[in-house]
Amino acid sequence: MRHVWETGVPADDDRGPVIEAPPALFEIAEVRRDDPIIEQYGDAAKLALYGMKFTQDTIVPPFKYSYGARIKGQLQWATDLLAAKPYSKSAWISLTGPGEAYDGVPCLAGLAFRIRDGRLAMTAAFRSQNAFTSYLNYVPLADVQAGMARNLGLGRGPMRVFVDVPHLYLADVAPALMVMRPALPRLL
């Protein structure tokens, strides 16, 4: 959110005006459901809904697509590849296809898996991402990564994230600022 807030410029989006920032690449050492920021500011109902988006084979309203259906089957292919060639850099799966409906192109475009230092690292490539609600994708993605790591008999490594168009909806600015505000010292 800070990256978008500090480097972004006004832009338009189908759902309203946004602040749009340059692409971002970062690494998260460990994504956890019990992260203090998620616990304090997160939305448990939305997190459960996004979890279904990643696990259900059918489209869960209000979404226009199912990551579960797009990922299904491809994880086994990537697992088999890494089991056969643990050094491989080719375990990429695509979540988009030719001729996608214009209003149904998924934000998450691809996932890559690599075994490094005895752990399964994952890269998630997003074409676009709302910085305020990004955790709603990262937590279910960590579950995907953990399941694949278990299938390979490995620990979970870092999650690398590339976002081509990180943004923040103007409607979310006030709650986003609450999350970004510096912690104030307690007065005794």
Protein backbone atom coordinates (compact mmCIF):
# COMPACT_ATOMS: atom_id res chain seq x y z
CA MET A 1 0.00 0.00 0.00
CA ARG A 2 2.83 2.39 0.81
CA HIS A 3 4.37 1.84 -2.62
CA VAL A 4 1.09 2.80 -4.29
CA TRP A 5 0.46 5.70 -1.92
CA GLU A 6 3.96 7.15 -2.28
CA THR A 7 4.60 6.57 -6.01
CA GLY A 8 1.13 6.32 -7.55
CA VAL A 9 -0.70 8.68 -9.87
CA PRO A 10 -4.44 9.12 -10.50
CA ALA A 11 -5.92 6.69 -13.04
CA ASP A 12 -9.23 5.17 -14.10
CA ASP A 13 -10.56 1.65 -13.55
CA ASP A 14 -13.81 -0.15 -14.37
CA ARG A 15 -14.78 0.04 -10.68
CA GLY A 16 -13.89 3.71 -10.19
CA PRO A 17 -10.93 6.04 -9.82
CA VAL A 18 -7.65 4.60 -8.54
CA ILE A 19 -4.15 5.56 -7.60
CA GLU A 20 -1.89 3.49 -9.87
CA ALA A 21 1.79 2.83 -9.15
CA PRO A 22 4.75 1.46 -11.12
CA PRO A 23 5.24 -2.34 -11.14
CA ALA A 24 6.39 -3.95 -7.91
CA LEU A 25 8.45 -7.05 -7.17
CA PHE A 26 8.85 -8.21 -3.58
CA GLU A 27 9.30 -11.32 -1.47
CA ILE A 28 7.34 -12.45 1.56
CA ALA A 29 9.32 -14.78 3.81
CA GLU A 30 6.18 -16.34 5.31
CA VAL A 31 2.50 -15.64 4.73
CA ARG A 32 0.42 -16.47 7.80
CA ARG A 33 -3.30 -16.23 8.54
CA ASP A 34 -2.45 -15.08 12.06
CA ASP A 35 -0.41 -12.10 10.86
CA PRO A 36 -1.11 -9.26 13.33
CA ILE A 37 -2.01 -6.78 10.57
CA ILE A 38 -4.45 -9.22 8.96
CA GLU A 39 -5.93 -10.03 12.37
CA GLN A 40 -6.42 -6.35 13.18
CA TYR A 41 -7.51 -4.94 9.81
CA GLY A 42 -8.47 -7.96 7.70
CA ASP A 43 -11.94 -9.12 6.78
CA ALA A 44 -12.47 -12.76 7.83
CA ALA A 45 -15.60 -13.19 5.69
CA LYS A 46 -13.85 -11.93 2.57
CA LEU A 47 -10.83 -14.09 3.34
CA ALA A 48 -13.10 -17.16 3.49
CA LEU A 49 -14.73 -16.10 0.19
CA TYR A 50 -11.34 -15.71 -1.51
CA GLY A 51 -10.31 -19.08 -0.08
CA MET A 52 -13.26 -20.61 -1.96
CA LYS A 53 -12.20 -18.76 -5.12
CA PHE A 54 -8.89 -20.64 -4.91
CA THR A 55 -10.32 -24.06 -3.99
CA GLN A 56 -13.68 -24.36 -5.78
CA ASP A 57 -13.85 -25.62 -9.36
CA THR A 58 -16.93 -23.49 -9.99
CA ILE A 59 -17.24 -19.71 -10.02
CA VAL A 60 -18.13 -18.33 -6.60
CA PRO A 61 -20.20 -15.13 -6.78
CA PRO A 62 -19.38 -12.26 -6.96
CA PHE A 63 -16.27 -13.40 -8.86
CA LYS A 64 -16.16 -13.79 -12.65
CA TYR A 65 -13.74 -16.74 -12.63
CA SER A 66 -12.40 -19.50 -10.39
CA TYR A 67 -8.71 -19.78 -9.62
CA GLY A 68 -9.44 -23.28 -8.34
CA ALA A 69 -10.64 -24.36 -11.80
CA ARG A 70 -7.70 -22.64 -13.49
CA ILE A 71 -5.11 -24.16 -11.14
CA LYS A 72 -6.67 -27.64 -10.98
CA GLY A 73 -4.63 -30.27 -12.76
CA GLN A 74 -1.73 -27.93 -13.38
CA LEU A 75 -0.37 -28.34 -9.85
CA GLN A 76 0.05 -32.08 -10.39
CA TRP A 77 1.97 -31.37 -13.60
CA ALA A 78 4.26 -28.93 -11.76
CA THR A 79 4.67 -31.37 -8.86
CA ASP A 80 5.60 -34.19 -11.25
CA LEU A 81 8.09 -31.94 -13.04
CA LEU A 82 9.82 -30.91 -9.81
CA ALA A 83 9.83 -34.48 -8.50
CA ALA A 84 11.60 -35.57 -11.69
CA LYS A 85 13.85 -32.51 -11.96
CA PRO A 86 14.24 -30.78 -8.59
CA TYR A 87 16.54 -28.17 -10.14
CA SER A 88 13.99 -27.12 -12.80
CA LYS A 89 12.98 -23.54 -13.46
CA SER A 90 10.15 -24.67 -15.77
CA ALA A 91 7.37 -25.36 -13.26
CA TRP A 92 5.29 -22.40 -14.45
CA ILE A 93 1.53 -22.62 -14.81
CA SER A 94 -0.67 -20.11 -16.61
CA LEU A 95 -3.99 -18.96 -15.26
CA THR A 96 -5.02 -17.17 -18.43
CA GLY A 97 -5.97 -18.49 -21.83
CA PRO A 98 -6.41 -17.13 -25.32
CA GLY A 99 -9.70 -15.38 -26.00
CA GLU A 100 -10.57 -14.58 -22.37
CA ALA A 101 -13.70 -12.46 -21.99
CA TYR A 102 -12.57 -8.85 -21.54
CA ASP A 103 -14.27 -8.59 -18.16
CA GLY A 104 -13.04 -12.00 -16.99
CA VAL A 105 -9.26 -11.83 -17.35
CA PRO A 106 -7.89 -12.97 -13.99
CA CYS A 107 -5.64 -10.68 -12.00
CA LEU A 108 -3.35 -13.60 -11.15
CA ALA A 109 -1.78 -14.52 -14.49
CA GLY A 110 0.70 -17.22 -13.52
CA LEU A 111 2.43 -19.19 -10.78
CA ALA A 112 5.96 -20.55 -10.73
CA PHE A 113 7.45 -23.10 -8.36
CA ARG A 114 11.11 -23.84 -7.66
CA ILE A 115 12.94 -26.00 -5.16
CA ARG A 116 15.76 -24.03 -3.59
CA ASP A 117 17.64 -24.80 -0.38
CA GLY A 118 15.36 -27.79 0.24
CA ARG A 119 12.20 -25.66 0.27
CA LEU A 120 9.50 -24.86 -2.27
CA ALA A 121 9.61 -21.24 -3.40
CA MET A 122 6.66 -19.80 -5.31
CA THR A 123 6.30 -16.76 -7.56
CA ALA A 124 2.89 -15.24 -8.22
CA ALA A 125 2.60 -12.92 -11.23
CA PHE A 126 -0.34 -10.52 -11.13
CA ARG A 127 -1.33 -8.35 -14.10
CA SER A 128 -3.09 -6.02 -11.65
CA GLN A 129 -3.73 -5.95 -7.92
CA ASN A 130 -5.62 -3.90 -5.39
CA ALA A 131 -3.00 -3.12 -2.74
CA PHE A 132 -5.63 -2.75 -0.01
CA THR A 133 -7.04 -6.26 -0.46
CA SER A 134 -3.92 -8.09 -1.70
CA TYR A 135 -3.76 -10.22 1.45
CA LEU A 136 -7.00 -11.87 0.29
CA ASN A 137 -4.94 -13.48 -2.50
CA TYR A 138 -1.70 -14.07 -0.60
CA VAL A 139 -3.22 -16.17 2.20
CA PRO A 140 -4.96 -18.68 -0.13
CA LEU A 141 -1.86 -18.73 -2.35
CA ALA A 142 0.21 -19.67 0.70
CA ASP A 143 -2.17 -22.61 1.16
CA VAL A 144 -1.60 -23.67 -2.47
CA GLN A 145 2.15 -23.42 -1.93
CA ALA A 146 1.99 -25.36 1.37
CA GLY A 147 -0.06 -28.16 -0.21
CA MET A 148 2.36 -28.52 -3.09
CA ALA A 149 5.33 -28.44 -0.69
CA ARG A 150 3.72 -31.24 1.36
CA ASN A 151 3.20 -33.31 -1.80
CA LEU A 152 6.92 -32.94 -2.56
CA GLY A 153 7.96 -33.64 1.06
CA LEU A 154 9.43 -30.13 1.39
CA GLY A 155 9.10 -27.13 3.63
CA ARG A 156 7.58 -23.94 2.30
CA GLY A 157 10.00 -21.28 1.11
CA PRO A 158 9.36 -17.63 0.30
CA MET A 159 6.55 -16.29 -1.87
CA ARG A 160 7.76 -13.89 -4.52
CA VAL A 161 5.15 -11.53 -5.93
CA PHE A 162 5.25 -9.48 -9.10
CA VAL A 163 2.45 -6.97 -9.66
CA ASP A 164 2.43 -5.18 -13.01
CA VAL A 165 -0.22 -2.61 -12.07
CA PRO A 166 -0.53 -2.16 -8.30
CA HIS A 167 -3.35 0.18 -7.40
CA LEU A 168 -5.55 1.51 -4.64
CA TYR A 169 -9.18 2.47 -5.18
CA LEU A 170 -9.96 5.98 -3.97
CA ALA A 171 -12.92 4.47 -2.10
CA ASP A 172 -10.38 2.47 -0.02
CA VAL A 173 -8.02 5.34 0.81
CA ALA A 174 -9.37 6.05 4.32
CA PRO A 175 -9.15 2.45 5.57
CA ALA A 176 -5.81 1.99 3.79
CA LEU A 177 -4.41 5.00 5.63
CA MET A 178 -5.52 3.42 8.91
CA VAL A 179 -3.41 0.35 8.10
CA MET A 180 -0.42 2.39 6.92
CA ARG A 181 -0.35 4.86 9.79
CA PRO A 182 2.75 4.54 11.93
CA ALA A 183 2.26 2.85 15.25
CA LEU A 184 1.86 5.46 17.95
CA PRO A 185 3.71 5.00 21.21
CA ARG A 186 1.50 4.12 24.13
CA LEU A 187 1.15 6.75 26.79
CA LEU A 188 1.38 5.38 30.31
